[in-house]
Amino acid sequence: MGSKKQINLPWVEKYRPSTLNDLISHEDIIRTINKFIDENHLPHLLLYGPPGTGKTSTILACAKKLYTPAQFNSMVLELNASDDRGIGSVRGQILSFASTGTMYKSGFKLIILDEADAMTNDAQNALRRIMEKYTDNVRFCIICNYLSKIIPALQSRCTKFRFGPLSPDQILPRLEHVIKEENISVTEDGKKALMTLSGGDMRKVINVLQSTWLAFGSVTEENVYLCVGHPLPVDIKNIVNWLLNEQYMMAYSMEDLKLKKGLALQDILTQLHTFINRIDLPDNIIMELIIKLAEIEKRTAAGCSESVQLNALVSAFQCARDIEKV
């Protein structure tokens, strides 16, 4: 029965690290938390950083080290963004769990508040007193993407750890492990595309890997980009070439490429921004282009017509070319 359950799991959960030793990065943080646990001096924790960098996996691995499977359900309360965590929940469910003693002679309970940046300020304020009053009995672990959305009063009560985006060197060994375990066909440019698109998010790497494999049967650079609907590097290269070298109507013909491949203007703008920074252009031209790209992206995000904004994009490059001629 257990093996069947494993087969149906998404790879991102199937290969989630279950112990602190399985975690692939942030060695300093893991070592520090390990020492806290070994010396029985675990403080309230605040883990923050971009998604897919190992925050939830770290605290769940800590909980598995602290408690036996039999103790886990009675000693750990995990609340996610999908649960009710308003002021009523803090005063009811969390207070009730924190105020009741443990059935074991020593040790403390653990309350994990995942996606805590979605909690209201009132709920966060209600937590302050609970954290101080029941420190003998309970430890809190607050997890969030944006530290600025956690009130300073809670931040000062916790030991903070920042989980930065993972580097390709850290992602690659885990990616290789999943590929080997699942026995799938992945090319070198496919691996590179996965890591480029992920932006240091391990969860995204595994999810896109599984989606591409199921959709195409092989994981190549082209298949990865097609799967996520992202413009291929060769398409961006062609678009930049048209914008910098062709006449207006020829440059605007990238509308056909956009429609044919189902590309979003937002994605094209993001890739153009990266590409332009690698081109050797005069500073005044680069500044003019970046400002206009930012304005076009803002209007696109606000819901303006993509066709009109595409015209604005072509115009921005034509104007930049005119400045260069002068």
C-alpha atoms as a PDB file:
ATOM      1  CA  MET A   1       0.000   0.000   0.000  1.00  0.00           C
ATOM      2  CA  GLY A   2       2.862   2.363   0.905  1.00  0.00           C
ATOM      3  CA  SER A   3       4.566   1.865  -2.478  1.00  0.00           C
ATOM      4  CA  LYS A   4       1.320   2.647  -4.337  1.00  0.00           C
ATOM      5  CA  LYS A   5       1.025   5.849  -2.364  1.00  0.00           C
ATOM      6  CA  GLN A   6       4.569   6.819  -3.358  1.00  0.00           C
ATOM      7  CA  ILE A   7       3.875   6.188  -7.067  1.00  0.00           C
ATOM      8  CA  ASN A   8       0.945   8.628  -7.107  1.00  0.00           C
ATOM      9  CA  LEU A   9       2.804  11.410  -5.298  1.00  0.00           C
ATOM     10  CA  PRO A  10       3.994  14.436  -7.316  1.00  0.00           C
ATOM     11  CA  TRP A  11       7.787  14.312  -7.565  1.00  0.00           C
ATOM     12  CA  VAL A  12       8.117  17.523  -5.565  1.00  0.00           C
ATOM     13  CA  GLU A  13       6.609  15.730  -2.531  1.00  0.00           C
ATOM     14  CA  LYS A  14       8.068  12.299  -3.319  1.00  0.00           C
ATOM     15  CA  TYR A  15      11.608  13.720  -3.163  1.00  0.00           C
ATOM     16  CA  ARG A  16      11.072  16.253  -0.358  1.00  0.00           C
ATOM     17  CA  PRO A  17      13.992  15.929   2.106  1.00  0.00           C
ATOM     18  CA  SER A  18      12.870  14.145   5.273  1.00  0.00           C
ATOM     19  CA  THR A  19      15.968  14.718   7.447  1.00  0.00           C
ATOM     20  CA  LEU A  20      18.267  17.679   8.015  1.00  0.00           C
ATOM     21  CA  ASN A  21      21.122  15.749   6.369  1.00  0.00           C
ATOM     22  CA  ASP A  22      19.086  15.417   3.136  1.00  0.00           C
ATOM     23  CA  LEU A  23      18.805  19.194   2.678  1.00  0.00           C
ATOM     24  CA  ILE A  24      21.016  20.392  -0.168  1.00  0.00           C
ATOM     25  CA  SER A  25      21.985  23.933   0.833  1.00  0.00           C
ATOM     26  CA  HIS A  26      22.205  26.586   3.557  1.00  0.00           C
ATOM     27  CA  GLU A  27      24.768  24.515   5.495  1.00  0.00           C
ATOM     28  CA  ASP A  28      25.364  27.315   8.049  1.00  0.00           C
ATOM     29  CA  ILE A  29      21.649  27.569   8.878  1.00  0.00           C
ATOM     30  CA  ILE A  30      21.233  23.775   9.145  1.00  0.00           C
ATOM     31  CA  ARG A  31      24.344  23.506  11.341  1.00  0.00           C
ATOM     32  CA  THR A  32      23.103  26.282  13.668  1.00  0.00           C
ATOM     33  CA  ILE A  33      19.589  24.806  14.020  1.00  0.00           C
ATOM     34  CA  ASN A  34      21.099  21.342  14.599  1.00  0.00           C
ATOM     35  CA  LYS A  35      23.178  22.775  17.439  1.00  0.00           C
ATOM     36  CA  PHE A  36      20.100  24.456  18.954  1.00  0.00           C
ATOM     37  CA  ILE A  37      18.278  21.099  18.945  1.00  0.00           C
ATOM     38  CA  ASP A  38      21.239  19.052  20.238  1.00  0.00           C
ATOM     39  CA  GLU A  39      21.777  21.443  23.159  1.00  0.00           C
ATOM     40  CA  ASN A  40      18.026  21.761  23.826  1.00  0.00           C
ATOM     41  CA  HIS A  41      18.089  25.543  23.317  1.00  0.00           C
ATOM     42  CA  LEU A  42      15.748  25.962  20.336  1.00  0.00           C
ATOM     43  CA  PRO A  43      14.443  29.577  20.182  1.00  0.00           C
ATOM     44  CA  HIS A  44      11.424  30.862  18.284  1.00  0.00           C
ATOM     45  CA  LEU A  45      12.422  30.786  14.604  1.00  0.00           C
ATOM     46  CA  LEU A  46      11.634  33.072  11.673  1.00  0.00           C
ATOM     47  CA  LEU A  47      12.563  31.573   8.293  1.00  0.00           C
ATOM     48  CA  TYR A  48      12.182  33.880   5.296  1.00  0.00           C
ATOM     49  CA  GLY A  49      13.179  33.984   1.632  1.00  0.00           C
ATOM     50  CA  PRO A  50      11.898  33.195  -1.885  1.00  0.00           C
ATOM     51  CA  PRO A  51       9.683  30.141  -2.524  1.00  0.00           C
ATOM     52  CA  GLY A  52      11.232  26.724  -3.163  1.00  0.00           C
ATOM     53  CA  THR A  53      14.408  27.348  -1.138  1.00  0.00           C
ATOM     54  CA  GLY A  54      13.815  24.786   1.631  1.00  0.00           C
ATOM     55  CA  LYS A  55      12.157  26.717   4.478  1.00  0.00           C
ATOM     56  CA  THR A  56       9.238  24.337   5.114  1.00  0.00           C
ATOM     57  CA  SER A  57      11.374  21.249   4.449  1.00  0.00           C
ATOM     58  CA  THR A  58      13.892  22.477   7.051  1.00  0.00           C
ATOM     59  CA  ILE A  59      11.396  22.926   9.874  1.00  0.00           C
ATOM     60  CA  LEU A  60       9.580  19.652   9.078  1.00  0.00           C
ATOM     61  CA  ALA A  61      12.955  17.855   9.180  1.00  0.00           C
ATOM     62  CA  CYS A  62      13.619  19.541  12.552  1.00  0.00           C
ATOM     63  CA  ALA A  63      10.226  18.365  13.846  1.00  0.00           C
ATOM     64  CA  LYS A  64      11.003  14.787  12.759  1.00  0.00           C
ATOM     65  CA  LYS A  65      14.314  14.990  14.628  1.00  0.00           C
ATOM     66  CA  LEU A  66      12.648  16.408  17.774  1.00  0.00           C
ATOM     67  CA  TYR A  67       9.707  14.001  17.957  1.00  0.00           C
ATOM     68  CA  THR A  68       9.030  10.343  17.295  1.00  0.00           C
ATOM     69  CA  PRO A  69       6.236   9.477  14.799  1.00  0.00           C
ATOM     70  CA  ALA A  70       3.968   8.657  17.764  1.00  0.00           C
ATOM     71  CA  GLN A  71       4.575  12.085  19.345  1.00  0.00           C
ATOM     72  CA  PHE A  72       4.361  14.100  16.119  1.00  0.00           C
ATOM     73  CA  ASN A  73       0.589  14.745  15.911  1.00  0.00           C
ATOM     74  CA  SER A  74       0.233  15.720  19.567  1.00  0.00           C
ATOM     75  CA  MET A  75       3.369  17.905  19.670  1.00  0.00           C
ATOM     76  CA  VAL A  76       3.277  19.753  16.315  1.00  0.00           C
ATOM     77  CA  LEU A  77       0.621  22.180  15.079  1.00  0.00           C
ATOM     78  CA  GLU A  78       1.144  23.207  11.462  1.00  0.00           C
ATOM     79  CA  LEU A  79      -1.007  25.968   9.982  1.00  0.00           C
ATOM     80  CA  ASN A  80      -0.681  27.048   6.345  1.00  0.00           C
ATOM     81  CA  ALA A  81      -2.063  29.976   4.333  1.00  0.00           C
ATOM     82  CA  SER A  82      -5.082  27.834   3.433  1.00  0.00           C
ATOM     83  CA  ASP A  83      -6.059  27.530   7.112  1.00  0.00           C
ATOM     84  CA  ASP A  84      -7.933  30.182   9.060  1.00  0.00           C
ATOM     85  CA  ARG A  85      -5.277  32.209  10.842  1.00  0.00           C
ATOM     86  CA  GLY A  86      -7.162  35.367  11.691  1.00  0.00           C
ATOM     87  CA  ILE A  87      -7.315  36.791  15.198  1.00  0.00           C
ATOM     88  CA  GLY A  88     -10.044  34.255  16.132  1.00  0.00           C
ATOM     89  CA  SER A  89      -7.805  31.335  15.222  1.00  0.00           C
ATOM     90  CA  VAL A  90      -4.873  32.811  17.167  1.00  0.00           C
ATOM     91  CA  ARG A  91      -7.011  33.285  20.288  1.00  0.00           C
ATOM     92  CA  GLY A  92      -8.713  29.919  19.865  1.00  0.00           C
ATOM     93  CA  GLN A  93      -6.797  27.104  18.190  1.00  0.00           C
ATOM     94  CA  ILE A  94      -3.242  28.427  18.708  1.00  0.00           C
ATOM     95  CA  LEU A  95      -3.825  29.609  22.288  1.00  0.00           C
ATOM     96  CA  SER A  96      -5.506  26.320  23.191  1.00  0.00           C
ATOM     97  CA  PHE A  97      -2.607  24.265  21.750  1.00  0.00           C
ATOM     98  CA  ALA A  98       0.057  26.468  23.368  1.00  0.00           C
ATOM     99  CA  SER A  99      -1.535  26.622  26.814  1.00  0.00           C
ATOM    100  CA  THR A 100      -2.032  22.889  27.329  1.00  0.00           C
ATOM    101  CA  GLY A 101       0.949  20.989  28.741  1.00  0.00           C
ATOM    102  CA  THR A 102       2.682  18.102  27.044  1.00  0.00           C
ATOM    103  CA  MET A 103       1.991  14.497  27.984  1.00  0.00           C
ATOM    104  CA  TYR A 104       5.748  13.930  28.186  1.00  0.00           C
ATOM    105  CA  LYS A 105       8.000  14.801  31.113  1.00  0.00           C
ATOM    106  CA  SER A 106      10.285  17.095  29.134  1.00  0.00           C
ATOM    107  CA  GLY A 107      10.304  18.914  25.839  1.00  0.00           C
ATOM    108  CA  PHE A 108       8.112  21.516  24.199  1.00  0.00           C
ATOM    109  CA  LYS A 109       5.452  21.710  21.517  1.00  0.00           C
ATOM    110  CA  LEU A 110       6.133  23.216  18.092  1.00  0.00           C
ATOM    111  CA  ILE A 111       3.759  25.566  16.240  1.00  0.00           C
ATOM    112  CA  ILE A 112       4.615  26.091  12.545  1.00  0.00           C
ATOM    113  CA  LEU A 113       2.974  29.086  10.873  1.00  0.00           C
ATOM    114  CA  ASP A 114       3.685  28.687   7.151  1.00  0.00           C
ATOM    115  CA  GLU A 115       3.057  31.559   4.696  1.00  0.00           C
ATOM    116  CA  ALA A 116       2.808  33.874   7.729  1.00  0.00           C
ATOM    117  CA  ASP A 117       2.997  36.991   5.540  1.00  0.00           C
ATOM    118  CA  ALA A 118      -0.677  36.305   4.715  1.00  0.00           C
ATOM    119  CA  MET A 119      -1.674  36.798   8.375  1.00  0.00           C
ATOM    120  CA  THR A 120      -3.413  40.034   9.311  1.00  0.00           C
ATOM    121  CA  ASN A 121      -1.656  42.559  11.545  1.00  0.00           C
ATOM    122  CA  ASP A 122      -4.281  41.986  14.255  1.00  0.00           C
ATOM    123  CA  ALA A 123      -3.549  38.247  14.259  1.00  0.00           C
ATOM    124  CA  GLN A 124       0.204  38.906  14.393  1.00  0.00           C
ATOM    125  CA  ASN A 125      -0.272  41.321  17.280  1.00  0.00           C
ATOM    126  CA  ALA A 126      -2.336  38.714  19.154  1.00  0.00           C
ATOM    127  CA  LEU A 127       0.578  36.273  18.817  1.00  0.00           C
ATOM    128  CA  ARG A 128       3.017  38.503  20.690  1.00  0.00           C
ATOM    129  CA  ARG A 129       1.725  37.787  24.185  1.00  0.00           C
ATOM    130  CA  ILE A 130       1.197  34.065  23.479  1.00  0.00           C
ATOM    131  CA  MET A 131       4.825  33.718  22.335  1.00  0.00           C
ATOM    132  CA  GLU A 132       6.110  35.261  25.566  1.00  0.00           C
ATOM    133  CA  LYS A 133       3.636  33.717  28.007  1.00  0.00           C
ATOM    134  CA  TYR A 134       4.016  30.093  26.877  1.00  0.00           C
ATOM    135  CA  THR A 135       7.746  29.989  26.032  1.00  0.00           C
ATOM    136  CA  ASP A 136       8.264  27.209  28.615  1.00  0.00           C
ATOM    137  CA  ASN A 137       5.775  25.027  26.802  1.00  0.00           C
ATOM    138  CA  VAL A 138       5.929  25.890  23.105  1.00  0.00           C
ATOM    139  CA  ARG A 139       8.214  27.132  20.320  1.00  0.00           C
ATOM    140  CA  PHE A 140       6.972  29.021  17.275  1.00  0.00           C
ATOM    141  CA  CYS A 141       8.422  28.768  13.768  1.00  0.00           C
ATOM    142  CA  ILE A 142       7.198  31.533  11.471  1.00  0.00           C
ATOM    143  CA  ILE A 143       7.803  31.015   7.726  1.00  0.00           C
ATOM    144  CA  CYS A 144       7.298  33.735   5.116  1.00  0.00           C
ATOM    145  CA  ASN A 145       8.446  35.007   1.718  1.00  0.00           C
ATOM    146  CA  TYR A 146       8.479  38.704   2.619  1.00  0.00           C
ATOM    147  CA  LEU A 147      10.034  39.740   5.928  1.00  0.00           C
ATOM    148  CA  SER A 148       8.566  43.252   5.610  1.00  0.00           C
ATOM    149  CA  LYS A 149       5.055  41.792   6.059  1.00  0.00           C
ATOM    150  CA  ILE A 150       5.899  40.444   9.537  1.00  0.00           C
ATOM    151  CA  ILE A 151       5.433  43.072  12.276  1.00  0.00           C
ATOM    152  CA  PRO A 152       8.667  44.210  14.013  1.00  0.00           C
ATOM    153  CA  ALA A 153       7.373  42.986  17.399  1.00  0.00           C
ATOM    154  CA  LEU A 154       7.287  39.365  16.125  1.00  0.00           C
ATOM    155  CA  GLN A 155      10.626  39.725  14.343  1.00  0.00           C
ATOM    156  CA  SER A 156      12.335  40.789  17.566  1.00  0.00           C
ATOM    157  CA  ARG A 157      11.020  37.712  19.407  1.00  0.00           C
ATOM    158  CA  CYS A 158      12.521  35.279  16.861  1.00  0.00           C
ATOM    159  CA  THR A 159      15.913  34.169  15.633  1.00  0.00           C
ATOM    160  CA  LYS A 160      15.880  35.034  11.920  1.00  0.00           C
ATOM    161  CA  PHE A 161      17.340  32.951   9.097  1.00  0.00           C
ATOM    162  CA  ARG A 162      17.286  34.009   5.455  1.00  0.00           C
ATOM    163  CA  PHE A 163      16.996  31.286   2.817  1.00  0.00           C
ATOM    164  CA  GLY A 164      18.431  32.716  -0.406  1.00  0.00           C
ATOM    165  CA  PRO A 165      17.747  31.387  -3.930  1.00  0.00           C
ATOM    166  CA  LEU A 166      19.623  28.147  -4.664  1.00  0.00           C
ATOM    167  CA  SER A 167      22.588  28.252  -7.038  1.00  0.00           C
ATOM    168  CA  PRO A 168      22.765  25.910 -10.083  1.00  0.00           C
ATOM    169  CA  ASP A 169      25.601  24.011  -8.317  1.00  0.00           C
ATOM    170  CA  GLN A 170      23.250  23.252  -5.416  1.00  0.00           C
ATOM    171  CA  ILE A 171      20.269  22.357  -7.621  1.00  0.00           C
ATOM    172  CA  LEU A 172      22.121  20.073 -10.057  1.00  0.00           C
ATOM    173  CA  PRO A 173      22.951  17.136  -7.696  1.00  0.00           C
ATOM    174  CA  ARG A 174      19.329  16.909  -6.505  1.00  0.00           C
ATOM    175  CA  LEU A 175      18.074  17.202 -10.089  1.00  0.00           C
ATOM    176  CA  GLU A 176      20.440  14.398 -11.147  1.00  0.00           C
ATOM    177  CA  HIS A 177      19.145  12.270  -8.252  1.00  0.00           C
ATOM    178  CA  VAL A 178      15.491  12.672  -9.368  1.00  0.00           C
ATOM    179  CA  ILE A 179      16.422  11.955 -13.021  1.00  0.00           C
ATOM    180  CA  LYS A 180      18.269   8.785 -11.972  1.00  0.00           C
ATOM    181  CA  GLU A 181      15.487   7.583  -9.656  1.00  0.00           C
ATOM    182  CA  GLU A 182      12.760   8.151 -12.263  1.00  0.00           C
ATOM    183  CA  ASN A 183      14.967   6.839 -15.106  1.00  0.00           C
ATOM    184  CA  ILE A 184      14.050   9.636 -17.538  1.00  0.00           C
ATOM    185  CA  SER A 185      15.796  11.103 -20.598  1.00  0.00           C
ATOM    186  CA  VAL A 186      17.156  14.623 -20.008  1.00  0.00           C
ATOM    187  CA  THR A 187      19.659  16.445 -22.248  1.00  0.00           C
ATOM    188  CA  GLU A 188      22.350  18.795 -20.904  1.00  0.00           C
ATOM    189  CA  ASP A 189      20.656  21.836 -22.486  1.00  0.00           C
ATOM    190  CA  GLY A 190      17.386  20.641 -20.887  1.00  0.00           C
ATOM    191  CA  LYS A 191      19.008  20.714 -17.421  1.00  0.00           C
ATOM    192  CA  LYS A 192      20.431  24.156 -18.131  1.00  0.00           C
ATOM    193  CA  ALA A 193      16.997  25.429 -19.251  1.00  0.00           C
ATOM    194  CA  LEU A 194      15.373  24.053 -16.071  1.00  0.00           C
ATOM    195  CA  MET A 195      17.886  25.872 -13.868  1.00  0.00           C
ATOM    196  CA  THR A 196      17.679  29.112 -15.887  1.00  0.00           C
ATOM    197  CA  LEU A 197      13.880  29.249 -15.676  1.00  0.00           C
ATOM    198  CA  SER A 198      13.711  28.268 -11.997  1.00  0.00           C
ATOM    199  CA  GLY A 199      15.533  31.332 -10.639  1.00  0.00           C
ATOM    200  CA  GLY A 200      16.840  29.292  -7.699  1.00  0.00           C
ATOM    201  CA  ASP A 201      13.475  27.664  -6.885  1.00  0.00           C
ATOM    202  CA  MET A 202      13.997  23.908  -6.352  1.00  0.00           C
ATOM    203  CA  ARG A 203      10.248  23.241  -6.307  1.00  0.00           C
ATOM    204  CA  LYS A 204       9.848  24.854  -9.734  1.00  0.00           C
ATOM    205  CA  VAL A 205      12.744  22.780 -11.160  1.00  0.00           C
ATOM    206  CA  ILE A 206      11.127  19.488 -10.089  1.00  0.00           C
ATOM    207  CA  ASN A 207       7.611  20.527 -11.148  1.00  0.00           C
ATOM    208  CA  VAL A 208       8.719  21.678 -14.629  1.00  0.00           C
ATOM    209  CA  LEU A 209      10.843  18.527 -14.994  1.00  0.00           C
ATOM    210  CA  GLN A 210       7.824  16.304 -14.276  1.00  0.00           C
ATOM    211  CA  SER A 211       5.473  18.353 -16.481  1.00  0.00           C
ATOM    212  CA  THR A 212       7.893  18.347 -19.433  1.00  0.00           C
ATOM    213  CA  TRP A 213       8.565  14.604 -19.120  1.00  0.00           C
ATOM    214  CA  LEU A 214       4.845  13.764 -19.004  1.00  0.00           C
ATOM    215  CA  ALA A 215       4.000  16.128 -21.891  1.00  0.00           C
ATOM    216  CA  PHE A 216       6.836  15.330 -24.322  1.00  0.00           C
ATOM    217  CA  GLY A 217       8.541  12.116 -23.164  1.00  0.00           C
ATOM    218  CA  SER A 218      11.968  13.768 -23.262  1.00  0.00           C
ATOM    219  CA  VAL A 219      13.365  16.837 -21.511  1.00  0.00           C
ATOM    220  CA  THR A 220      15.219  19.092 -23.962  1.00  0.00           C
ATOM    221  CA  GLU A 221      15.715  22.871 -23.928  1.00  0.00           C
ATOM    222  CA  GLU A 222      12.949  23.411 -26.513  1.00  0.00           C
ATOM    223  CA  ASN A 223      10.495  21.119 -24.691  1.00  0.00           C
ATOM    224  CA  VAL A 224      11.130  22.833 -21.329  1.00  0.00           C
ATOM    225  CA  TYR A 225      10.487  26.302 -22.805  1.00  0.00           C
ATOM    226  CA  LEU A 226       7.403  25.043 -24.674  1.00  0.00           C
ATOM    227  CA  CYS A 227       6.035  23.434 -21.515  1.00  0.00           C
ATOM    228  CA  VAL A 228       6.136  26.653 -19.489  1.00  0.00           C
ATOM    229  CA  GLY A 229       5.156  28.871 -22.466  1.00  0.00           C
ATOM    230  CA  HIS A 230       8.387  30.850 -22.176  1.00  0.00           C
ATOM    231  CA  PRO A 231      10.125  32.366 -25.245  1.00  0.00           C
ATOM    232  CA  LEU A 232      13.122  30.327 -26.424  1.00  0.00           C
ATOM    233  CA  PRO A 233      16.544  32.065 -26.275  1.00  0.00           C
ATOM    234  CA  VAL A 234      16.751  31.820 -30.096  1.00  0.00           C
ATOM    235  CA  ASP A 235      13.365  33.612 -30.391  1.00  0.00           C
ATOM    236  CA  ILE A 236      14.559  36.440 -28.136  1.00  0.00           C
ATOM    237  CA  LYS A 237      17.770  36.687 -30.176  1.00  0.00           C
ATOM    238  CA  ASN A 238      15.696  37.040 -33.371  1.00  0.00           C
ATOM    239  CA  ILE A 239      13.399  39.632 -31.775  1.00  0.00           C
ATOM    240  CA  VAL A 240      16.380  41.747 -30.593  1.00  0.00           C
ATOM    241  CA  ASN A 241      17.934  41.490 -34.064  1.00  0.00           C
ATOM    242  CA  TRP A 242      14.694  42.734 -35.687  1.00  0.00           C
ATOM    243  CA  LEU A 243      14.295  45.559 -33.182  1.00  0.00           C
ATOM    244  CA  LEU A 244      17.877  46.791 -33.588  1.00  0.00           C
ATOM    245  CA  ASN A 245      18.390  46.302 -37.322  1.00  0.00           C
ATOM    246  CA  GLU A 246      15.104  46.090 -39.278  1.00  0.00           C
ATOM    247  CA  GLN A 247      12.631  48.717 -40.470  1.00  0.00           C
ATOM    248  CA  TYR A 248       9.509  49.413 -38.397  1.00  0.00           C
ATOM    249  CA  MET A 249       7.075  47.093 -40.210  1.00  0.00           C
ATOM    250  CA  MET A 250       9.575  44.235 -40.338  1.00  0.00           C
ATOM    251  CA  ALA A 251      10.291  44.607 -36.617  1.00  0.00           C
ATOM    252  CA  TYR A 252       6.555  44.650 -35.851  1.00  0.00           C
ATOM    253  CA  SER A 253       6.214  41.325 -37.680  1.00  0.00           C
ATOM    254  CA  MET A 254       7.319  39.666 -34.418  1.00  0.00           C
ATOM    255  CA  GLU A 255       3.583  39.861 -33.640  1.00  0.00           C
ATOM    256  CA  ASP A 256       3.275  36.797 -35.940  1.00  0.00           C
ATOM    257  CA  LEU A 257       5.931  34.929 -33.924  1.00  0.00           C
ATOM    258  CA  LYS A 258       4.183  35.922 -30.697  1.00  0.00           C
ATOM    259  CA  LEU A 259       0.811  34.586 -31.925  1.00  0.00           C
ATOM    260  CA  LYS A 260       2.277  31.466 -33.550  1.00  0.00           C
ATOM    261  CA  LYS A 261       4.133  30.417 -30.390  1.00  0.00           C
ATOM    262  CA  GLY A 262       1.572  31.771 -27.916  1.00  0.00           C
ATOM    263  CA  LEU A 263       4.079  34.018 -26.143  1.00  0.00           C
ATOM    264  CA  ALA A 264       3.103  36.596 -23.535  1.00  0.00           C
ATOM    265  CA  LEU A 265       4.456  40.119 -23.975  1.00  0.00           C
ATOM    266  CA  GLN A 266       5.318  40.162 -20.247  1.00  0.00           C
ATOM    267  CA  ASP A 267       7.715  37.206 -20.738  1.00  0.00           C
ATOM    268  CA  ILE A 268       9.244  38.782 -23.858  1.00  0.00           C
ATOM    269  CA  LEU A 269       9.895  42.006 -21.924  1.00  0.00           C
ATOM    270  CA  THR A 270      11.565  40.118 -19.048  1.00  0.00           C
ATOM    271  CA  GLN A 271      13.884  38.277 -21.426  1.00  0.00           C
ATOM    272  CA  LEU A 272      14.583  41.442 -23.464  1.00  0.00           C
ATOM    273  CA  HIS A 273      15.649  43.236 -20.290  1.00  0.00           C
ATOM    274  CA  THR A 274      18.211  40.505 -19.526  1.00  0.00           C
ATOM    275  CA  PHE A 275      19.421  40.399 -23.139  1.00  0.00           C
ATOM    276  CA  ILE A 276      19.829  44.187 -23.508  1.00  0.00           C
ATOM    277  CA  ASN A 277      22.107  44.339 -20.462  1.00  0.00           C
ATOM    278  CA  ARG A 278      24.519  42.011 -22.266  1.00  0.00           C
ATOM    279  CA  ILE A 279      24.680  44.154 -25.443  1.00  0.00           C
ATOM    280  CA  ASP A 280      27.457  46.738 -25.759  1.00  0.00           C
ATOM    281  CA  LEU A 281      25.437  49.935 -26.237  1.00  0.00           C
ATOM    282  CA  PRO A 282      26.144  53.542 -25.132  1.00  0.00           C
ATOM    283  CA  ASP A 283      24.927  54.319 -21.589  1.00  0.00           C
ATOM    284  CA  ASN A 284      22.374  56.934 -22.717  1.00  0.00           C
ATOM    285  CA  ILE A 285      20.786  54.417 -25.149  1.00  0.00           C
ATOM    286  CA  ILE A 286      20.631  51.672 -22.473  1.00  0.00           C
ATOM    287  CA  MET A 287      19.015  54.095 -19.981  1.00  0.00           C
ATOM    288  CA  GLU A 288      16.438  55.261 -22.532  1.00  0.00           C
ATOM    289  CA  LEU A 289      15.515  51.653 -23.443  1.00  0.00           C
ATOM    290  CA  ILE A 290      15.265  50.446 -19.827  1.00  0.00           C
ATOM    291  CA  ILE A 291      12.978  53.359 -18.872  1.00  0.00           C
ATOM    292  CA  LYS A 292      10.688  52.695 -21.851  1.00  0.00           C
ATOM    293  CA  LEU A 293      10.652  48.928 -21.221  1.00  0.00           C
ATOM    294  CA  ALA A 294       9.642  49.616 -17.612  1.00  0.00           C
ATOM    295  CA  GLU A 295       6.769  51.878 -18.753  1.00  0.00           C
ATOM    296  CA  ILE A 296       5.559  49.268 -21.274  1.00  0.00           C
ATOM    297  CA  GLU A 297       5.725  46.501 -18.642  1.00  0.00           C
ATOM    298  CA  LYS A 298       3.747  48.661 -16.195  1.00  0.00           C
ATOM    299  CA  ARG A 299       1.026  49.307 -18.774  1.00  0.00           C
ATOM    300  CA  THR A 300       0.941  45.613 -19.776  1.00  0.00           C
ATOM    301  CA  ALA A 301       0.549  44.576 -16.113  1.00  0.00           C
ATOM    302  CA  ALA A 302      -2.291  47.109 -15.754  1.00  0.00           C
ATOM    303  CA  GLY A 303      -4.203  45.321 -18.546  1.00  0.00           C
ATOM    304  CA  CYS A 304      -3.538  47.527 -21.584  1.00  0.00           C
ATOM    305  CA  SER A 305      -3.780  46.069 -25.097  1.00  0.00           C
ATOM    306  CA  GLU A 306      -0.749  43.871 -25.892  1.00  0.00           C
ATOM    307  CA  SER A 307      -0.936  44.889 -29.552  1.00  0.00           C
ATOM    308  CA  VAL A 308      -0.608  48.598 -28.704  1.00  0.00           C
ATOM    309  CA  GLN A 309       2.209  47.907 -26.205  1.00  0.00           C
ATOM    310  CA  LEU A 310       4.032  45.823 -28.819  1.00  0.00           C
ATOM    311  CA  ASN A 311       3.914  48.863 -31.113  1.00  0.00           C
ATOM    312  CA  ALA A 312       5.308  50.947 -28.236  1.00  0.00           C
ATOM    313  CA  LEU A 313       8.145  48.415 -27.833  1.00  0.00           C
ATOM    314  CA  VAL A 314       9.110  48.630 -31.521  1.00  0.00           C
ATOM    315  CA  SER A 315       8.875  52.454 -31.338  1.00  0.00           C
ATOM    316  CA  ALA A 316      11.186  52.545 -28.293  1.00  0.00           C
ATOM    317  CA  PHE A 317      13.928  50.731 -30.209  1.00  0.00           C
ATOM    318  CA  GLN A 318      13.396  52.861 -33.370  1.00  0.00           C
ATOM    319  CA  CYS A 319      13.777  56.017 -31.240  1.00  0.00           C
ATOM    320  CA  ALA A 320      16.911  54.601 -29.597  1.00  0.00           C
ATOM    321  CA  ARG A 321      18.385  53.912 -33.041  1.00  0.00           C
ATOM    322  CA  ASP A 322      17.654  57.533 -34.083  1.00  0.00           C
ATOM    323  CA  ILE A 323      19.448  58.829 -30.944  1.00  0.00           C
ATOM    324  CA  GLU A 324      22.470  56.660 -31.799  1.00  0.00           C
ATOM    325  CA  LYS A 325      22.621  58.079 -35.344  1.00  0.00           C
ATOM    326  CA  VAL A 326      22.648  61.642 -33.967  1.00  0.00           C
END
